Amino acid sequence: MDGVHEGRVTFVNVLKYLKMNISSDFGNMMSVAIASVFLPFLPILPCRWLLNDLLYDMSQLTLASDKVEEQYLTRPRKWDVKGIRRFYGRLRAGKFSF
């Protein structure tokens, strides 16, 4: 049973990582896209973008030891691609509303 428990914890933490990473990448992408329209130079160099992603990913290393609520561990979960698409759609709508 410990293997099943750890698998469910890992699955939930991977979903958390994906949502955090999608929101960060989308925010960076939109900032650069909008800024490049108004600025006569490249707003962020590719090496800085990679460094930014590396530092952000390092901050997410703590997700591996994150505690998960019991409601996510009671039954197996399926990979919910539609849920991730909805999250991305809400994120996109929210960013464009500002």
PDB file of N, CA and C in Angstrom:
ATOM      1  N   MET A   1       0.809  -1.208   0.000  1.00  0.00           N
ATOM      2  CA  MET A   1       0.000   0.000   0.000  1.00  0.00           C
ATOM      3  C   MET A   1       0.847   1.265   0.000  1.00  0.00           C
ATOM      4  N   ASP A   2       2.086   1.187   0.508  1.00  0.00           N
ATOM      5  CA  ASP A   2       2.929   2.373   0.513  1.00  0.00           C
ATOM      6  C   ASP A   2       3.278   2.817  -0.900  1.00  0.00           C
ATOM      7  N   GLY A   3       3.471   1.854  -1.800  1.00  0.00           N
ATOM      8  CA  GLY A   3       3.777   2.194  -3.190  1.00  0.00           C
ATOM      9  C   GLY A   3       2.619   2.899  -3.867  1.00  0.00           C
ATOM     10  N   VAL A   4       1.415   2.448  -3.608  1.00  0.00           N
ATOM     11  CA  VAL A   4       0.221   3.083  -4.181  1.00  0.00           C
ATOM     12  C   VAL A   4       0.084   4.501  -3.643  1.00  0.00           C
ATOM     13  N   HIS A   5       0.292   4.650  -2.342  1.00  0.00           N
ATOM     14  CA  HIS A   5       0.207   5.969  -1.702  1.00  0.00           C
ATOM     15  C   HIS A   5       1.240   6.924  -2.305  1.00  0.00           C
ATOM     16  N   GLU A   6       2.482   6.478  -2.428  1.00  0.00           N
ATOM     17  CA  GLU A   6       3.537   7.327  -2.985  1.00  0.00           C
ATOM     18  C   GLU A   6       3.270   7.653  -4.451  1.00  0.00           C
ATOM     19  N   GLY A   7       2.716   6.711  -5.191  1.00  0.00           N
ATOM     20  CA  GLY A   7       2.369   6.974  -6.581  1.00  0.00           C
ATOM     21  C   GLY A   7       1.309   8.048  -6.711  1.00  0.00           C
ATOM     22  N   ARG A   8       0.317   8.009  -5.849  1.00  0.00           N
ATOM     23  CA  ARG A   8      -0.746   9.025  -5.883  1.00  0.00           C
ATOM     24  C   ARG A   8      -0.209  10.389  -5.470  1.00  0.00           C
ATOM     25  N   VAL A   9       0.664  10.412  -4.473  1.00  0.00           N
ATOM     26  CA  VAL A   9       1.282  11.673  -4.050  1.00  0.00           C
ATOM     27  C   VAL A   9       2.115  12.242  -5.197  1.00  0.00           C
ATOM     28  N   THR A  10       2.885  11.400  -5.855  1.00  0.00           N
ATOM     29  CA  THR A  10       3.710  11.844  -6.977  1.00  0.00           C
ATOM     30  C   THR A  10       2.851  12.386  -8.108  1.00  0.00           C
ATOM     31  N   PHE A  11       1.763  11.713  -8.403  1.00  0.00           N
ATOM     32  CA  PHE A  11       0.871  12.143  -9.477  1.00  0.00           C
ATOM     33  C   PHE A  11       0.301  13.533  -9.189  1.00  0.00           C
ATOM     34  N   VAL A  12      -0.166  13.756  -7.964  1.00  0.00           N
ATOM     35  CA  VAL A  12      -0.742  15.058  -7.605  1.00  0.00           C
ATOM     36  C   VAL A  12       0.336  16.139  -7.654  1.00  0.00           C
ATOM     37  N   ASN A  13       1.544  15.817  -7.195  1.00  0.00           N
ATOM     38  CA  ASN A  13       2.618  16.806  -7.219  1.00  0.00           C
ATOM     39  C   ASN A  13       3.065  17.125  -8.643  1.00  0.00           C
ATOM     40  N   VAL A  14       3.012  16.156  -9.547  1.00  0.00           N
ATOM     41  CA  VAL A  14       3.336  16.422 -10.951  1.00  0.00           C
ATOM     42  C   VAL A  14       2.295  17.369 -11.548  1.00  0.00           C
ATOM     43  N   LEU A  15       1.029  17.178 -11.211  1.00  0.00           N
ATOM     44  CA  LEU A  15      -0.004  18.098 -11.705  1.00  0.00           C
ATOM     45  C   LEU A  15       0.209  19.509 -11.166  1.00  0.00           C
ATOM     46  N   LYS A  16       0.609  19.622  -9.898  1.00  0.00           N
ATOM     47  CA  LYS A  16       0.913  20.941  -9.336  1.00  0.00           C
ATOM     48  C   LYS A  16       2.058  21.595 -10.099  1.00  0.00           C
ATOM     49  N   TYR A  17       3.103  20.800 -10.370  1.00  0.00           N
ATOM     50  CA  TYR A  17       4.258  21.328 -11.102  1.00  0.00           C
ATOM     51  C   TYR A  17       3.847  21.806 -12.488  1.00  0.00           C
ATOM     52  N   LEU A  18       3.047  21.018 -13.180  1.00  0.00           N
ATOM     53  CA  LEU A  18       2.617  21.405 -14.523  1.00  0.00           C
ATOM     54  C   LEU A  18       1.838  22.715 -14.517  1.00  0.00           C
ATOM     55  N   LYS A  19       0.920  22.851 -13.574  1.00  0.00           N
ATOM     56  CA  LYS A  19       0.116  24.076 -13.512  1.00  0.00           C
ATOM     57  C   LYS A  19       0.979  25.286 -13.169  1.00  0.00           C
ATOM     58  N   MET A  20       1.919  25.115 -12.240  1.00  0.00           N
ATOM     59  CA  MET A  20       2.794  26.232 -11.896  1.00  0.00           C
ATOM     60  C   MET A  20       3.694  26.607 -13.065  1.00  0.00           C
ATOM     61  N   ASN A  21       4.209  25.608 -13.760  1.00  0.00           N
ATOM     62  CA  ASN A  21       5.113  25.861 -14.863  1.00  0.00           C
ATOM     63  C   ASN A  21       4.378  26.476 -16.055  1.00  0.00           C
ATOM     64  N   ILE A  22       3.172  26.008 -16.332  1.00  0.00           N
ATOM     65  CA  ILE A  22       2.378  26.577 -17.425  1.00  0.00           C
ATOM     66  C   ILE A  22       2.087  28.046 -17.151  1.00  0.00           C
ATOM     67  N   SER A  23       1.703  28.364 -15.917  1.00  0.00           N
ATOM     68  CA  SER A  23       1.378  29.758 -15.610  1.00  0.00           C
ATOM     69  C   SER A  23       2.617  30.646 -15.693  1.00  0.00           C
ATOM     70  N   SER A  24       3.758  30.158 -15.252  1.00  0.00           N
ATOM     71  CA  SER A  24       4.987  30.944 -15.326  1.00  0.00           C
ATOM     72  C   SER A  24       5.413  31.159 -16.772  1.00  0.00           C
ATOM     73  N   ASP A  25       5.426  30.098 -17.553  1.00  0.00           N
ATOM     74  CA  ASP A  25       5.846  30.221 -18.948  1.00  0.00           C
ATOM     75  C   ASP A  25       4.906  31.108 -19.739  1.00  0.00           C
ATOM     76  N   PHE A  26       3.611  30.995 -19.484  1.00  0.00           N
ATOM     77  CA  PHE A  26       2.654  31.826 -20.204  1.00  0.00           C
ATOM     78  C   PHE A  26       2.840  33.297 -19.836  1.00  0.00           C
ATOM     79  N   GLY A  27       3.062  33.577 -18.559  1.00  0.00           N
ATOM     80  CA  GLY A  27       3.290  34.958 -18.133  1.00  0.00           C
ATOM     81  C   GLY A  27       4.540  35.546 -18.760  1.00  0.00           C
ATOM     82  N   ASN A  28       5.619  34.764 -18.776  1.00  0.00           N
ATOM     83  CA  ASN A  28       6.855  35.239 -19.402  1.00  0.00           C
ATOM     84  C   ASN A  28       6.660  35.467 -20.893  1.00  0.00           C
ATOM     85  N   MET A  29       5.994  34.533 -21.545  1.00  0.00           N
ATOM     86  CA  MET A  29       5.787  34.635 -22.982  1.00  0.00           C
ATOM     87  C   MET A  29       4.959  35.875 -23.333  1.00  0.00           C
ATOM     88  N   MET A  30       3.890  36.097 -22.593  1.00  0.00           N
ATOM     89  CA  MET A  30       3.035  37.248 -22.878  1.00  0.00           C
ATOM     90  C   MET A  30       3.759  38.553 -22.585  1.00  0.00           C
ATOM     91  N   SER A  31       4.537  38.597 -21.520  1.00  0.00           N
ATOM     92  CA  SER A  31       5.285  39.816 -21.196  1.00  0.00           C
ATOM     93  C   SER A  31       6.260  40.167 -22.309  1.00  0.00           C
ATOM     94  N   VAL A  32       6.984  39.174 -22.792  1.00  0.00           N
ATOM     95  CA  VAL A  32       7.959  39.418 -23.861  1.00  0.00           C
ATOM     96  C   VAL A  32       7.244  39.780 -25.158  1.00  0.00           C
ATOM     97  N   ALA A  33       6.159  39.104 -25.462  1.00  0.00           N
ATOM     98  CA  ALA A  33       5.440  39.393 -26.706  1.00  0.00           C
ATOM     99  C   ALA A  33       4.890  40.811 -26.708  1.00  0.00           C
ATOM    100  N   ILE A  34       4.322  41.230 -25.600  1.00  0.00           N
ATOM    101  CA  ILE A  34       3.761  42.585 -25.528  1.00  0.00           C
ATOM    102  C   ILE A  34       4.868  43.620 -25.511  1.00  0.00           C
ATOM    103  N   ALA A  35       5.938  43.353 -24.745  1.00  0.00           N
ATOM    104  CA  ALA A  35       7.035  44.319 -24.661  1.00  0.00           C
ATOM    105  C   ALA A  35       7.757  44.458 -25.999  1.00  0.00           C
ATOM    106  N   SER A  36       7.863  43.386 -26.762  1.00  0.00           N
ATOM    107  CA  SER A  36       8.583  43.465 -28.034  1.00  0.00           C
ATOM    108  C   SER A  36       7.841  44.317 -29.063  1.00  0.00           C
ATOM    109  N   VAL A  37       6.566  44.506 -28.881  1.00  0.00           N
ATOM    110  CA  VAL A  37       5.807  45.375 -29.785  1.00  0.00           C
ATOM    111  C   VAL A  37       6.179  46.837 -29.551  1.00  0.00           C
ATOM    112  N   PHE A  38       6.424  47.199 -28.288  1.00  0.00           N
ATOM    113  CA  PHE A  38       6.657  48.595 -27.938  1.00  0.00           C
ATOM    114  C   PHE A  38       8.137  48.974 -27.855  1.00  0.00           C
ATOM    115  N   LEU A  39       9.015  47.999 -27.689  1.00  0.00           N
ATOM    116  CA  LEU A  39      10.440  48.293 -27.534  1.00  0.00           C
ATOM    117  C   LEU A  39      11.192  48.036 -28.833  1.00  0.00           C
ATOM    118  N   PRO A  40      12.198  48.862 -29.132  1.00  0.00           N
ATOM    119  CA  PRO A  40      12.963  48.655 -30.361  1.00  0.00           C
ATOM    120  C   PRO A  40      14.057  47.595 -30.222  1.00  0.00           C
ATOM    121  N   PHE A  41      14.145  46.949 -29.065  1.00  0.00           N
ATOM    122  CA  PHE A  41      15.158  45.919 -28.844  1.00  0.00           C
ATOM    123  C   PHE A  41      14.508  44.687 -28.225  1.00  0.00           C
ATOM    124  N   LEU A  42      15.221  43.595 -28.190  1.00  0.00           N
ATOM    125  CA  LEU A  42      14.730  42.353 -27.619  1.00  0.00           C
ATOM    126  C   LEU A  42      14.608  42.507 -26.100  1.00  0.00           C
ATOM    127  N   PRO A  43      13.432  42.339 -25.514  1.00  0.00           N
ATOM    128  CA  PRO A  43      13.241  42.608 -24.088  1.00  0.00           C
ATOM    129  C   PRO A  43      14.013  41.655 -23.167  1.00  0.00           C
ATOM    130  N   ILE A  44      14.255  40.434 -23.598  1.00  0.00           N
ATOM    131  CA  ILE A  44      14.999  39.495 -22.768  1.00  0.00           C
ATOM    132  C   ILE A  44      15.798  38.579 -23.695  1.00  0.00           C
ATOM    133  N   LEU A  45      17.042  38.406 -23.345  1.00  0.00           N
ATOM    134  CA  LEU A  45      17.909  37.559 -24.161  1.00  0.00           C
ATOM    135  C   LEU A  45      17.596  36.093 -23.890  1.00  0.00           C
ATOM    136  N   PRO A  46      17.816  35.220 -24.870  1.00  0.00           N
ATOM    137  CA  PRO A  46      17.515  33.799 -24.681  1.00  0.00           C
ATOM    138  C   PRO A  46      18.248  33.178 -23.494  1.00  0.00           C
ATOM    139  N   CYS A  47      19.512  33.578 -23.262  1.00  0.00           N
ATOM    140  CA  CYS A  47      20.237  32.997 -22.122  1.00  0.00           C
ATOM    141  C   CYS A  47      19.617  33.439 -20.797  1.00  0.00           C
ATOM    142  N   ARG A  48      19.101  34.650 -20.743  1.00  0.00           N
ATOM    143  CA  ARG A  48      18.419  35.097 -19.519  1.00  0.00           C
ATOM    144  C   ARG A  48      17.098  34.362 -19.326  1.00  0.00           C
ATOM    145  N   TRP A  49      16.410  34.094 -20.425  1.00  0.00           N
ATOM    146  CA  TRP A  49      15.159  33.352 -20.349  1.00  0.00           C
ATOM    147  C   TRP A  49      15.415  31.960 -19.783  1.00  0.00           C
ATOM    148  N   LEU A  50      16.469  31.298 -20.279  1.00  0.00           N
ATOM    149  CA  LEU A  50      16.824  29.972 -19.780  1.00  0.00           C
ATOM    150  C   LEU A  50      17.245  30.020 -18.317  1.00  0.00           C
ATOM    151  N   LEU A  51      17.996  31.055 -17.938  1.00  0.00           N
ATOM    152  CA  LEU A  51      18.386  31.195 -16.536  1.00  0.00           C
ATOM    153  C   LEU A  51      17.156  31.408 -15.660  1.00  0.00           C
ATOM    154  N   ASN A  52      16.227  32.207 -16.125  1.00  0.00           N
ATOM    155  CA  ASN A  52      14.985  32.451 -15.394  1.00  0.00           C
ATOM    156  C   ASN A  52      14.216  31.140 -15.200  1.00  0.00           C
ATOM    157  N   ASP A  53      14.111  30.341 -16.263  1.00  0.00           N
ATOM    158  CA  ASP A  53      13.422  29.053 -16.158  1.00  0.00           C
ATOM    159  C   ASP A  53      14.140  28.107 -15.206  1.00  0.00           C
ATOM    160  N   LEU A  54      15.465  28.096 -15.261  1.00  0.00           N
ATOM    161  CA  LEU A  54      16.241  27.234 -14.372  1.00  0.00           C
ATOM    162  C   LEU A  54      16.027  27.619 -12.916  1.00  0.00           C
ATOM    163  N   LEU A  55      16.075  28.902 -12.618  1.00  0.00           N
ATOM    164  CA  LEU A  55      15.871  29.357 -11.239  1.00  0.00           C
ATOM    165  C   LEU A  55      14.452  29.060 -10.764  1.00  0.00           C
ATOM    166  N   TYR A  56      13.477  29.235 -11.644  1.00  0.00           N
ATOM    167  CA  TYR A  56      12.099  28.944 -11.273  1.00  0.00           C
ATOM    168  C   TYR A  56      11.912  27.446 -11.036  1.00  0.00           C
ATOM    169  N   ASP A  57      12.516  26.631 -11.897  1.00  0.00           N
ATOM    170  CA  ASP A  57      12.420  25.182 -11.702  1.00  0.00           C
ATOM    171  C   ASP A  57      13.102  24.743 -10.417  1.00  0.00           C
ATOM    172  N   MET A  58      14.193  25.394 -10.056  1.00  0.00           N
ATOM    173  CA  MET A  58      14.862  25.054  -8.798  1.00  0.00           C
ATOM    174  C   MET A  58      13.974  25.379  -7.605  1.00  0.00           C
ATOM    175  N   SER A  59      13.199  26.449  -7.719  1.00  0.00           N
ATOM    176  CA  SER A  59      12.298  26.787  -6.616  1.00  0.00           C
ATOM    177  C   SER A  59      11.160  25.777  -6.490  1.00  0.00           C
ATOM    178  N   GLN A  60      10.880  25.048  -7.570  1.00  0.00           N
ATOM    179  CA  GLN A  60       9.804  24.058  -7.532  1.00  0.00           C
ATOM    180  C   GLN A  60      10.283  22.686  -7.073  1.00  0.00           C
ATOM    181  N   LEU A  61      11.549  22.551  -6.740  1.00  0.00           N
ATOM    182  CA  LEU A  61      12.059  21.275  -6.238  1.00  0.00           C
ATOM    183  C   LEU A  61      11.395  20.870  -4.924  1.00  0.00           C
ATOM    184  N   THR A  62      10.869  21.845  -4.210  1.00  0.00           N
ATOM    185  CA  THR A  62      10.205  21.534  -2.945  1.00  0.00           C
ATOM    186  C   THR A  62       8.890  20.792  -3.152  1.00  0.00           C
ATOM    187  N   LEU A  63       8.367  20.788  -4.361  1.00  0.00           N
ATOM    188  CA  LEU A  63       7.113  20.075  -4.620  1.00  0.00           C
ATOM    189  C   LEU A  63       7.250  18.574  -4.408  1.00  0.00           C
ATOM    190  N   ALA A  64       8.459  18.068  -4.528  1.00  0.00           N
ATOM    191  CA  ALA A  64       8.661  16.627  -4.335  1.00  0.00           C
ATOM    192  C   ALA A  64       8.334  16.200  -2.907  1.00  0.00           C
ATOM    193  N   SER A  65       8.504  17.095  -1.957  1.00  0.00           N
ATOM    194  CA  SER A  65       8.205  16.754  -0.564  1.00  0.00           C
ATOM    195  C   SER A  65       6.936  17.441  -0.062  1.00  0.00           C
ATOM    196  N   ASP A  66       6.130  17.948  -0.961  1.00  0.00           N
ATOM    197  CA  ASP A  66       4.910  18.647  -0.591  1.00  0.00           C
ATOM    198  C   ASP A  66       3.867  17.666  -0.064  1.00  0.00           C
ATOM    199  N   LYS A  67       3.144  18.100   0.938  1.00  0.00           N
ATOM    200  CA  LYS A  67       2.071  17.263   1.490  1.00  0.00           C
ATOM    201  C   LYS A  67       0.838  17.385   0.599  1.00  0.00           C
ATOM    202  N   VAL A  68       0.107  16.294   0.491  1.00  0.00           N
ATOM    203  CA  VAL A  68      -1.076  16.242  -0.361  1.00  0.00           C
ATOM    204  C   VAL A  68      -2.287  15.979   0.521  1.00  0.00           C
ATOM    205  N   GLU A  69      -3.388  16.658   0.239  1.00  0.00           N
ATOM    206  CA  GLU A  69      -4.600  16.460   1.021  1.00  0.00           C
ATOM    207  C   GLU A  69      -5.144  15.046   0.831  1.00  0.00           C
ATOM    208  N   GLU A  70      -5.794  14.555   1.840  1.00  0.00           N
ATOM    209  CA  GLU A  70      -6.313  13.183   1.827  1.00  0.00           C
ATOM    210  C   GLU A  70      -7.341  12.939   0.729  1.00  0.00           C
ATOM    211  N   GLN A  71      -8.077  13.976   0.349  1.00  0.00           N
ATOM    212  CA  GLN A  71      -9.110  13.786  -0.681  1.00  0.00           C
ATOM    213  C   GLN A  71      -8.509  13.376  -2.017  1.00  0.00           C
ATOM    214  N   TYR A  72      -7.239  13.718  -2.256  1.00  0.00           N
ATOM    215  CA  TYR A  72      -6.586  13.329  -3.506  1.00  0.00           C
ATOM    216  C   TYR A  72      -5.992  11.927  -3.441  1.00  0.00           C
ATOM    217  N   LEU A  73      -5.928  11.363  -2.243  1.00  0.00           N
ATOM    218  CA  LEU A  73      -5.283  10.061  -2.069  1.00  0.00           C
ATOM    219  C   LEU A  73      -6.269   8.916  -1.897  1.00  0.00           C
ATOM    220  N   THR A  74      -7.545   9.205  -1.756  1.00  0.00           N
ATOM    221  CA  THR A  74      -8.517   8.155  -1.463  1.00  0.00           C
ATOM    222  C   THR A  74      -8.791   7.232  -2.645  1.00  0.00           C
ATOM    223  N   ARG A  75      -8.724   7.775  -3.848  1.00  0.00           N
ATOM    224  CA  ARG A  75      -8.985   6.935  -5.024  1.00  0.00           C
ATOM    225  C   ARG A  75      -8.013   7.318  -6.129  1.00  0.00           C
ATOM    226  N   PRO A  76      -7.795   6.418  -7.071  1.00  0.00           N
ATOM    227  CA  PRO A  76      -6.865   6.746  -8.159  1.00  0.00           C
ATOM    228  C   PRO A  76      -7.406   7.858  -9.053  1.00  0.00           C
ATOM    229  N   ARG A  77      -6.513   8.675  -9.527  1.00  0.00           N
ATOM    230  CA  ARG A  77      -6.867   9.771 -10.434  1.00  0.00           C
ATOM    231  C   ARG A  77      -6.433   9.422 -11.848  1.00  0.00           C
ATOM    232  N   LYS A  78      -7.133   9.985 -12.803  1.00  0.00           N
ATOM    233  CA  LYS A  78      -6.756   9.812 -14.205  1.00  0.00           C
ATOM    234  C   LYS A  78      -6.117  11.096 -14.693  1.00  0.00           C
ATOM    235  N   TRP A  79      -5.320  10.941 -15.729  1.00  0.00           N
ATOM    236  CA  TRP A  79      -4.694  12.092 -16.340  1.00  0.00           C
ATOM    237  C   TRP A  79      -5.780  12.933 -17.002  1.00  0.00           C
ATOM    238  N   ASP A  80      -6.001  14.140 -16.515  1.00  0.00           N
ATOM    239  CA  ASP A  80      -7.101  14.985 -16.951  1.00  0.00           C
ATOM    240  C   ASP A  80      -6.585  16.086 -17.873  1.00  0.00           C
ATOM    241  N   VAL A  81      -6.465  15.782 -19.141  1.00  0.00           N
ATOM    242  CA  VAL A  81      -5.967  16.764 -20.106  1.00  0.00           C
ATOM    243  C   VAL A  81      -6.972  17.899 -20.264  1.00  0.00           C
ATOM    244  N   LYS A  82      -8.249  17.584 -20.205  1.00  0.00           N
ATOM    245  CA  LYS A  82      -9.271  18.632 -20.323  1.00  0.00           C
ATOM    246  C   LYS A  82      -9.176  19.614 -19.157  1.00  0.00           C
ATOM    247  N   GLY A  83      -8.864  19.105 -17.972  1.00  0.00           N
ATOM    248  CA  GLY A  83      -8.701  19.979 -16.811  1.00  0.00           C
ATOM    249  C   GLY A  83      -7.522  20.925 -16.972  1.00  0.00           C
ATOM    250  N   ILE A  84      -6.439  20.423 -17.545  1.00  0.00           N
ATOM    251  CA  ILE A  84      -5.275  21.276 -17.783  1.00  0.00           C
ATOM    252  C   ILE A  84      -5.601  22.310 -18.863  1.00  0.00           C
ATOM    253  N   ARG A  85      -6.339  21.905 -19.881  1.00  0.00           N
ATOM    254  CA  ARG A  85      -6.757  22.863 -20.918  1.00  0.00           C
ATOM    255  C   ARG A  85      -7.660  23.944 -20.330  1.00  0.00           C
ATOM    256  N   ARG A  86      -8.590  23.552 -19.445  1.00  0.00           N
ATOM    257  CA  ARG A  86      -9.451  24.544 -18.798  1.00  0.00           C
ATOM    258  C   ARG A  86      -8.620  25.514 -17.968  1.00  0.00           C
ATOM    259  N   PHE A  87      -7.642  24.975 -17.228  1.00  0.00           N
ATOM    260  CA  PHE A  87      -6.765  25.831 -16.428  1.00  0.00           C
ATOM    261  C   PHE A  87      -6.040  26.831 -17.318  1.00  0.00           C
ATOM    262  N   TYR A  88      -5.503  26.346 -18.430  1.00  0.00           N
ATOM    263  CA  TYR A  88      -4.787  27.218 -19.354  1.00  0.00           C
ATOM    264  C   TYR A  88      -5.733  28.245 -19.970  1.00  0.00           C
ATOM    265  N   GLY A  89      -6.942  27.839 -20.298  1.00  0.00           N
ATOM    266  CA  GLY A  89      -7.922  28.775 -20.855  1.00  0.00           C
ATOM    267  C   GLY A  89      -8.299  29.862 -19.869  1.00  0.00           C
ATOM    268  N   ARG A  90      -8.503  29.495 -18.612  1.00  0.00           N
ATOM    269  CA  ARG A  90      -8.815  30.499 -17.584  1.00  0.00           C
ATOM    270  C   ARG A  90      -7.632  31.420 -17.366  1.00  0.00           C
ATOM    271  N   LEU A  91      -6.436  30.848 -17.393  1.00  0.00           N
ATOM    272  CA  LEU A  91      -5.235  31.637 -17.221  1.00  0.00           C
ATOM    273  C   LEU A  91      -5.099  32.638 -18.360  1.00  0.00           C
ATOM    274  N   ARG A  92      -5.325  32.178 -19.568  1.00  0.00           N
ATOM    275  CA  ARG A  92      -5.226  33.040 -20.752  1.00  0.00           C
ATOM    276  C   ARG A  92      -6.280  34.139 -20.686  1.00  0.00           C
ATOM    277  N   ALA A  93      -7.477  33.789 -20.311  1.00  0.00           N
ATOM    278  CA  ALA A  93      -8.551  34.806 -20.214  1.00  0.00           C
ATOM    279  C   ALA A  93      -8.245  35.811 -19.119  1.00  0.00           C
ATOM    280  N   GLY A  94      -7.720  35.338 -18.023  1.00  0.00           N
ATOM    281  CA  GLY A  94      -7.378  36.226 -16.915  1.00  0.00           C
ATOM    282  C   GLY A  94      -6.251  37.181 -17.257  1.00  0.00           C
ATOM    283  N   LYS A  95      -5.253  36.697 -17.971  1.00  0.00           N
ATOM    284  CA  LYS A  95      -4.120  37.563 -18.347  1.00  0.00           C
ATOM    285  C   LYS A  95      -4.555  38.619 -19.346  1.00  0.00           C
ATOM    286  N   PHE A  96      -5.453  38.260 -20.264  1.00  0.00           N
ATOM    287  CA  PHE A  96      -5.878  39.240 -21.260  1.00  0.00           C
ATOM    288  C   PHE A  96      -6.875  40.245 -20.686  1.00  0.00           C
ATOM    289  N   SER A  97      -7.495  39.947 -19.578  1.00  0.00           N
ATOM    290  CA  SER A  97      -8.448  40.886 -19.007  1.00  0.00           C
ATOM    291  C   SER A  97      -7.737  42.054 -18.320  1.00  0.00           C
ATOM    292  N   PHE A  98      -6.460  41.879 -17.980  1.00  0.00           N
ATOM    293  CA  PHE A  98      -5.714  42.979 -17.363  1.00  0.00           C
ATOM    294  C   PHE A  98      -5.169  43.832 -18.452  1.00  0.00           C
TER     295      PHE A  98
END
